[in-house]
PDB file of N, CA and C in Angstrom:
ATOM      1  N   UNK A   1      -5.375  20.155  25.294  1.00  0.00           N
ATOM      2  CA  UNK A   1      -4.608  19.010  24.634  1.00  0.00           C
ATOM      3  C   UNK A   1      -5.717  18.764  23.455  1.00  0.00           C
ATOM      4  N   UNK A   2      -7.235  18.735  23.571  1.00  0.00           N
ATOM      5  CA  UNK A   2      -7.656  18.814  22.690  1.00  0.00           C
ATOM      6  C   UNK A   2      -7.670  19.211  21.078  1.00  0.00           C
ATOM      7  N   UNK A   3      -7.652  20.879  21.754  1.00  0.00           N
ATOM      8  CA  UNK A   3      -7.174  21.800  20.471  1.00  0.00           C
ATOM      9  C   UNK A   3      -6.227  21.646  19.910  1.00  0.00           C
ATOM     10  N   UNK A   4      -4.753  21.562  20.395  1.00  0.00           N
ATOM     11  CA  UNK A   4      -3.862  21.233  19.626  1.00  0.00           C
ATOM     12  C   UNK A   4      -4.158  19.844  19.295  1.00  0.00           C
ATOM     13  N   UNK A   5      -4.277  18.670  19.574  1.00  0.00           N
ATOM     14  CA  UNK A   5      -4.761  17.266  18.731  1.00  0.00           C
ATOM     15  C   UNK A   5      -5.304  17.554  17.535  1.00  0.00           C
ATOM     16  N   UNK A   6      -6.404  18.210  17.803  1.00  0.00           N
ATOM     17  CA  UNK A   6      -7.247  18.869  16.038  1.00  0.00           C
ATOM     18  C   UNK A   6      -6.880  19.665  15.217  1.00  0.00           C
ATOM     19  N   UNK A   7      -5.506  20.206  15.951  1.00  0.00           N
ATOM     20  CA  UNK A   7      -5.168  21.138  14.654  1.00  0.00           C
ATOM     21  C   UNK A   7      -3.841  20.250  14.331  1.00  0.00           C
ATOM     22  N   UNK A   8      -3.063  19.381  14.942  1.00  0.00           N
ATOM     23  CA  UNK A   8      -2.226  18.907  14.521  1.00  0.00           C
ATOM     24  C   UNK A   8      -2.933  17.232  13.221  1.00  0.00           C
ATOM     25  N   UNK A   9      -3.975  17.489  13.764  1.00  0.00           N
ATOM     26  CA  UNK A   9      -4.345  16.162  12.679  1.00  0.00           C
ATOM     27  C   UNK A   9      -5.228  16.561  11.745  1.00  0.00           C
ATOM     28  N   UNK A  10      -5.095  18.001  11.992  1.00  0.00           N
ATOM     29  CA  UNK A  10      -6.018  18.799  10.317  1.00  0.00           C
ATOM     30  C   UNK A  10      -5.081  19.265   9.734  1.00  0.00           C
ATOM     31  N   UNK A  11      -3.619  19.085  10.419  1.00  0.00           N
ATOM     32  CA  UNK A  11      -2.516  19.653   9.778  1.00  0.00           C
ATOM     33  C   UNK A  11      -1.853  18.308   8.816  1.00  0.00           C
ATOM     34  N   UNK A  12      -1.639  17.198   9.480  1.00  0.00           N
ATOM     35  CA  UNK A  12      -1.739  16.025   9.548  1.00  0.00           C
ATOM     36  C   UNK A  12      -2.599  15.523   7.802  1.00  0.00           C
ATOM     37  N   UNK A  13      -4.000  15.156   8.117  1.00  0.00           N
ATOM     38  CA  UNK A  13      -5.065  15.343   7.308  1.00  0.00           C
ATOM     39  C   UNK A  13      -4.602  16.341   5.698  1.00  0.00           C
ATOM     40  N   UNK A  14      -4.582  17.147   6.140  1.00  0.00           N
ATOM     41  CA  UNK A  14      -4.313  18.506   4.443  1.00  0.00           C
ATOM     42  C   UNK A  14      -2.982  18.064   3.892  1.00  0.00           C
ATOM     43  N   UNK A  15      -2.040  17.811   4.543  1.00  0.00           N
ATOM     44  CA  UNK A  15      -0.524  16.762   3.913  1.00  0.00           C
ATOM     45  C   UNK A  15      -0.813  15.819   3.153  1.00  0.00           C
ATOM     46  N   UNK A  16      -1.467  14.601   3.863  1.00  0.00           N
ATOM     47  CA  UNK A  16      -1.755  13.637   3.365  1.00  0.00           C
ATOM     48  C   UNK A  16      -2.892  14.192   2.107  1.00  0.00           C
ATOM     49  N   UNK A  17      -3.545  14.631   1.999  1.00  0.00           N
ATOM     50  CA  UNK A  17      -4.322  15.119   0.976  1.00  0.00           C
ATOM     51  C   UNK A  17      -3.869  16.160  -0.412  1.00  0.00           C
ATOM     52  N   UNK A  18      -3.002  16.508   0.158  1.00  0.00           N
ATOM     53  CA  UNK A  18      -1.718  16.936  -0.676  1.00  0.00           C
ATOM     54  C   UNK A  18      -0.911  16.612  -1.500  1.00  0.00           C
ATOM     55  N   UNK A  19      -0.492  15.624  -0.940  1.00  0.00           N
ATOM     56  CA  UNK A  19       0.228  14.407  -1.039  1.00  0.00           C
ATOM     57  C   UNK A  19      -0.015  13.133  -2.133  1.00  0.00           C
ATOM     58  N   UNK A  20      -1.203  12.815  -2.055  1.00  0.00           N
ATOM     59  CA  UNK A  20      -2.041  11.650  -2.620  1.00  0.00           C
ATOM     60  C   UNK A  20      -2.588  12.916  -3.915  1.00  0.00           C
ATOM     61  N   UNK A  21      -3.125  14.324  -3.843  1.00  0.00           N
ATOM     62  CA  UNK A  21      -3.291  14.749  -5.160  1.00  0.00           C
ATOM     63  C   UNK A  21      -2.175  14.868  -5.942  1.00  0.00           C
ATOM     64  N   UNK A  22      -0.738  15.144  -5.370  1.00  0.00           N
ATOM     65  CA  UNK A  22       0.232  15.117  -6.435  1.00  0.00           C
ATOM     66  C   UNK A  22       0.591  13.511  -7.289  1.00  0.00           C
ATOM     67  N   UNK A  23       0.253  12.883  -6.359  1.00  0.00           N
ATOM     68  CA  UNK A  23       0.407  11.046  -6.746  1.00  0.00           C
ATOM     69  C   UNK A  23      -0.917  11.012  -7.860  1.00  0.00           C
ATOM     70  N   UNK A  24      -1.968  11.378  -7.480  1.00  0.00           N
ATOM     71  CA  UNK A  24      -3.142  11.416  -8.314  1.00  0.00           C
ATOM     72  C   UNK A  24      -2.879  12.338  -9.840  1.00  0.00           C
ATOM     73  N   UNK A  25      -2.014  13.230  -9.508  1.00  0.00           N
ATOM     74  CA  UNK A  25      -1.693  14.169 -10.739  1.00  0.00           C
ATOM     75  C   UNK A  25      -0.723  13.475 -11.880  1.00  0.00           C
ATOM     76  N   UNK A  26       0.243  13.028 -11.133  1.00  0.00           N
ATOM     77  CA  UNK A  26       1.471  12.309 -11.961  1.00  0.00           C
ATOM     78  C   UNK A  26       0.975  11.234 -12.530  1.00  0.00           C
ATOM     79  N   UNK A  27      -0.084  10.288 -11.702  1.00  0.00           N
ATOM     80  CA  UNK A  27      -0.690   9.249 -12.769  1.00  0.00           C
ATOM     81  C   UNK A  27      -1.383   9.599 -14.005  1.00  0.00           C
ATOM     82  N   UNK A  28      -2.118  10.403 -13.483  1.00  0.00           N
ATOM     83  CA  UNK A  28      -3.245  10.515 -14.818  1.00  0.00           C
ATOM     84  C   UNK A  28      -2.349  11.641 -16.008  1.00  0.00           C
ATOM     85  N   UNK A  29      -1.132  12.199 -15.857  1.00  0.00           N
ATOM     86  CA  UNK A  29      -0.278  13.060 -16.664  1.00  0.00           C
ATOM     87  C   UNK A  29       0.275  12.078 -17.581  1.00  0.00           C
ATOM     88  N   UNK A  30       0.690  10.802 -16.863  1.00  0.00           N
ATOM     89  CA  UNK A  30       1.430   9.488 -17.964  1.00  0.00           C
ATOM     90  C   UNK A  30      -0.141   8.820 -18.353  1.00  0.00           C
ATOM     91  N   UNK A  31      -1.663   9.303 -18.404  1.00  0.00           N
ATOM     92  CA  UNK A  31      -2.485   8.362 -18.697  1.00  0.00           C
ATOM     93  C   UNK A  31      -2.832   8.577 -20.281  1.00  0.00           C
ATOM     94  N   UNK A  32      -2.901   8.332 -21.255  1.00  0.00           N
ATOM     95  CA  UNK A  32      -3.365   8.454 -22.430  1.00  0.00           C
ATOM     96  C   UNK A  32      -4.846   7.971 -23.001  1.00  0.00           C
ATOM     97  N   UNK A  33      -5.528   8.082 -23.344  1.00  0.00           N
ATOM     98  CA  UNK A  33      -7.236   8.000 -23.531  1.00  0.00           C
ATOM     99  C   UNK A  33      -7.415   7.823 -25.256  1.00  0.00           C
ATOM    100  N   UNK A  34      -7.289   7.063 -25.992  1.00  0.00           N
ATOM    101  CA  UNK A  34      -8.233   7.148 -26.990  1.00  0.00           C
ATOM    102  C   UNK A  34      -9.729   6.660 -27.388  1.00  0.00           C
ATOM    103  N   UNK A  35     -10.615   7.618 -28.233  1.00  0.00           N
ATOM    104  CA  UNK A  35     -11.804   6.869 -28.207  1.00  0.00           C
ATOM    105  C   UNK A  35     -12.115   6.862 -29.720  1.00  0.00           C
ATOM    106  N   UNK A  36     -12.510   5.531 -30.035  1.00  0.00           N
ATOM    107  CA  UNK A  36     -13.370   5.301 -31.495  1.00  0.00           C
ATOM    108  C   UNK A  36     -14.908   5.345 -31.442  1.00  0.00           C
ATOM    109  N   UNK A  37     -15.088   6.027 -32.620  1.00  0.00           N
ATOM    110  CA  UNK A  37     -17.186   6.124 -32.388  1.00  0.00           C
ATOM    111  C   UNK A  37     -17.336   5.207 -33.474  1.00  0.00           C
ATOM    112  N   UNK A  38     -17.794   3.846 -32.511  1.00  0.00           N
ATOM    113  CA  UNK A  38     -18.501   2.193 -33.805  1.00  0.00           C
ATOM    114  C   UNK A  38     -19.620   2.911 -34.027  1.00  0.00           C
ATOM    115  N   UNK A  39     -20.352   2.617 -34.965  1.00  0.00           N
ATOM    116  CA  UNK A  39     -21.719   2.997 -35.699  1.00  0.00           C
ATOM    117  C   UNK A  39     -22.178   1.724 -36.512  1.00  0.00           C
ATOM    118  N   UNK A  40     -21.640   0.387 -36.493  1.00  0.00           N
ATOM    119  CA  UNK A  40     -21.836  -0.699 -37.044  1.00  0.00           C
ATOM    120  C   UNK A  40     -23.016  -1.220 -36.809  1.00  0.00           C
ATOM    121  N   UNK A  41     -23.135  -1.200 -35.373  1.00  0.00           N
ATOM    122  CA  UNK A  41     -24.386  -2.281 -35.040  1.00  0.00           C
ATOM    123  C   UNK A  41     -23.932  -1.473 -32.977  1.00  0.00           C
ATOM    124  N   UNK A  42     -25.290  -1.818 -32.857  1.00  0.00           N
ATOM    125  CA  UNK A  42     -24.994  -1.359 -31.417  1.00  0.00           C
ATOM    126  C   UNK A  42     -25.913  -2.530 -30.079  1.00  0.00           C
ATOM    127  N   UNK A  43     -26.166  -1.753 -29.148  1.00  0.00           N
ATOM    128  CA  UNK A  43     -26.811  -2.797 -27.937  1.00  0.00           C
ATOM    129  C   UNK A  43     -28.070  -3.742 -28.569  1.00  0.00           C
ATOM    130  N   UNK A  44     -28.623  -3.132 -29.338  1.00  0.00           N
ATOM    131  CA  UNK A  44     -30.013  -4.162 -29.574  1.00  0.00           C
ATOM    132  C   UNK A  44     -29.273  -5.377 -30.401  1.00  0.00           C
ATOM    133  N   UNK A  45     -28.513  -5.036 -31.490  1.00  0.00           N
ATOM    134  CA  UNK A  45     -28.159  -6.377 -32.074  1.00  0.00           C
ATOM    135  C   UNK A  45     -27.411  -7.166 -31.149  1.00  0.00           C
ATOM    136  N   UNK A  46     -26.492  -6.353 -30.100  1.00  0.00           N
ATOM    137  CA  UNK A  46     -25.689  -7.639 -29.378  1.00  0.00           C
ATOM    138  C   UNK A  46     -27.050  -8.235 -28.426  1.00  0.00           C
ATOM    139  N   UNK A  47     -27.793  -7.916 -28.171  1.00  0.00           N
ATOM    140  CA  UNK A  47     -28.322  -8.281 -27.112  1.00  0.00           C
ATOM    141  C   UNK A  47     -29.966  -9.361 -27.713  1.00  0.00           C
ATOM    142  N   UNK A  48     -30.037  -8.665 -29.348  1.00  0.00           N
ATOM    143  CA  UNK A  48     -30.568 -10.100 -30.036  1.00  0.00           C
ATOM    144  C   UNK A  48     -29.946 -11.189 -29.916  1.00  0.00           C
ATOM    145  N   UNK A  49     -28.484 -11.466 -30.067  1.00  0.00           N
ATOM    146  CA  UNK A  49     -27.774 -12.430 -30.258  1.00  0.00           C
ATOM    147  C   UNK A  49     -27.980 -12.954 -28.733  1.00  0.00           C
ATOM    148  N   UNK A  50     -28.611 -12.371 -27.993  1.00  0.00           N
ATOM    149  CA  UNK A  50     -28.455 -13.090 -26.847  1.00  0.00           C
ATOM    150  C   UNK A  50     -27.183 -13.333 -26.065  1.00  0.00           C
ATOM    151  N   UNK A  51     -26.293 -11.769 -25.745  1.00  0.00           N
ATOM    152  CA  UNK A  51     -25.305 -11.547 -25.225  1.00  0.00           C
ATOM    153  C   UNK A  51     -25.558 -10.639 -24.374  1.00  0.00           C
ATOM    154  N   UNK A  52     -24.553 -10.068 -23.810  1.00  0.00           N
ATOM    155  CA  UNK A  52     -24.625  -9.012 -22.584  1.00  0.00           C
ATOM    156  C   UNK A  52     -23.776  -8.108 -23.159  1.00  0.00           C
ATOM    157  N   UNK A  53     -24.226  -7.071 -23.188  1.00  0.00           N
ATOM    158  CA  UNK A  53     -23.612  -6.096 -23.805  1.00  0.00           C
ATOM    159  C   UNK A  53     -21.889  -5.786 -23.183  1.00  0.00           C
ATOM    160  N   UNK A  54     -22.282  -5.549 -21.775  1.00  0.00           N
ATOM    161  CA  UNK A  54     -21.034  -5.569 -20.880  1.00  0.00           C
ATOM    162  C   UNK A  54     -19.724  -6.706 -21.048  1.00  0.00           C
ATOM    163  N   UNK A  55     -20.568  -8.001 -21.226  1.00  0.00           N
ATOM    164  CA  UNK A  55     -19.720  -8.749 -21.581  1.00  0.00           C
ATOM    165  C   UNK A  55     -19.259  -9.069 -22.996  1.00  0.00           C
ATOM    166  N   UNK A  56     -19.715  -8.494 -24.354  1.00  0.00           N
ATOM    167  CA  UNK A  56     -18.881  -7.963 -25.431  1.00  0.00           C
ATOM    168  C   UNK A  56     -17.885  -7.068 -25.578  1.00  0.00           C
ATOM    169  N   UNK A  57     -18.174  -6.286 -24.297  1.00  0.00           N
ATOM    170  CA  UNK A  57     -16.898  -5.397 -24.582  1.00  0.00           C
ATOM    171  C   UNK A  57     -15.987  -5.966 -23.630  1.00  0.00           C
ATOM    172  N   UNK A  58     -16.486  -6.918 -22.505  1.00  0.00           N
ATOM    173  CA  UNK A  58     -15.402  -7.678 -22.155  1.00  0.00           C
ATOM    174  C   UNK A  58     -14.421  -7.948 -23.111  1.00  0.00           C
ATOM    175  N   UNK A  59     -15.045  -9.101 -23.251  1.00  0.00           N
ATOM    176  CA  UNK A  59     -14.323  -9.883 -24.860  1.00  0.00           C
ATOM    177  C   UNK A  59     -13.671  -8.730 -25.493  1.00  0.00           C
ATOM    178  N   UNK A  60     -14.035  -7.969 -25.982  1.00  0.00           N
ATOM    179  CA  UNK A  60     -13.217  -6.837 -27.317  1.00  0.00           C
ATOM    180  C   UNK A  60     -12.061  -7.032 -26.250  1.00  0.00           C
ATOM    181  N   UNK A  61     -12.155  -6.513 -25.471  1.00  0.00           N
ATOM    182  CA  UNK A  61     -11.101  -5.835 -24.776  1.00  0.00           C
ATOM    183  C   UNK A  61      -9.786  -7.011 -24.656  1.00  0.00           C
ATOM    184  N   UNK A  62     -10.434  -8.123 -24.267  1.00  0.00           N
ATOM    185  CA  UNK A  62      -9.356  -9.299 -24.052  1.00  0.00           C
ATOM    186  C   UNK A  62      -9.075  -9.879 -25.481  1.00  0.00           C
ATOM    187  N   UNK A  63     -10.125  -9.570 -26.369  1.00  0.00           N
ATOM    188  CA  UNK A  63      -9.057  -9.872 -27.591  1.00  0.00           C
ATOM    189  C   UNK A  63      -7.886  -9.021 -28.670  1.00  0.00           C
ATOM    190  N   UNK A  64      -8.228  -7.491 -28.121  1.00  0.00           N
ATOM    191  CA  UNK A  64      -7.345  -6.399 -28.144  1.00  0.00           C
ATOM    192  C   UNK A  64      -5.810  -6.488 -27.312  1.00  0.00           C
ATOM    193  N   UNK A  65      -6.479  -7.267 -26.028  1.00  0.00           N
ATOM    194  CA  UNK A  65      -4.792  -7.247 -25.377  1.00  0.00           C
ATOM    195  C   UNK A  65      -4.103  -8.783 -25.847  1.00  0.00           C
ATOM    196  N   UNK A  66      -4.587  -9.656 -26.126  1.00  0.00           N
ATOM    197  CA  UNK A  66      -4.139 -10.871 -27.032  1.00  0.00           C
ATOM    198  C   UNK A  66      -3.416 -10.447 -28.511  1.00  0.00           C
ATOM    199  N   UNK A  67      -4.462  -9.565 -28.989  1.00  0.00           N
ATOM    200  CA  UNK A  67      -3.939  -9.417 -30.063  1.00  0.00           C
ATOM    201  C   UNK A  67      -2.755  -8.012 -30.298  1.00  0.00           C
ATOM    202  N   UNK A  68      -2.047  -7.655 -29.578  1.00  0.00           N
ATOM    203  CA  UNK A  68      -1.645  -6.687 -28.722  1.00  0.00           C
ATOM    204  C   UNK A  68       0.033  -7.748 -27.956  1.00  0.00           C
ATOM    205  N   UNK A  69      -0.477  -8.268 -27.096  1.00  0.00           N
ATOM    206  CA  UNK A  69       0.932  -8.916 -26.452  1.00  0.00           C
ATOM    207  C   UNK A  69       0.906 -10.789 -26.929  1.00  0.00           C
ATOM    208  N   UNK A  70      -0.053 -10.760 -27.541  1.00  0.00           N
ATOM    209  CA  UNK A  70      -0.477 -12.405 -27.423  1.00  0.00           C
ATOM    210  C   UNK A  70      -0.133 -13.526 -26.672  1.00  0.00           C
ATOM    211  N   UNK A  71      -0.830 -12.853 -25.291  1.00  0.00           N
ATOM    212  CA  UNK A  71      -0.997 -13.440 -24.374  1.00  0.00           C
ATOM    213  C   UNK A  71      -2.638 -13.234 -24.027  1.00  0.00           C
ATOM    214  N   UNK A  72      -3.115 -14.423 -23.058  1.00  0.00           N
ATOM    215  CA  UNK A  72      -4.320 -13.912 -22.769  1.00  0.00           C
ATOM    216  C   UNK A  72      -4.466 -13.864 -21.331  1.00  0.00           C
ATOM    217  N   UNK A  73      -5.546 -13.243 -20.604  1.00  0.00           N
ATOM    218  CA  UNK A  73      -5.575 -12.529 -20.275  1.00  0.00           C
ATOM    219  C   UNK A  73      -6.198 -13.529 -18.483  1.00  0.00           C
TER     220      UNK A  73
END
């Protein structure tokens, strides 16, 4: 009985992993990434203005979103 349960659980788990991989592959195929190298200033300048680099980038994302959609986050 335990052997049958282990085998059926292993088969079920394998099928779940395969389905999840297919969903992940589909999502990735619809993802576009663009990057921009920014050399005007860096972390030292941002922290010298008493800003968090992470907070600075988050605000940049919000500004870009607002400029694209006209909505705030």
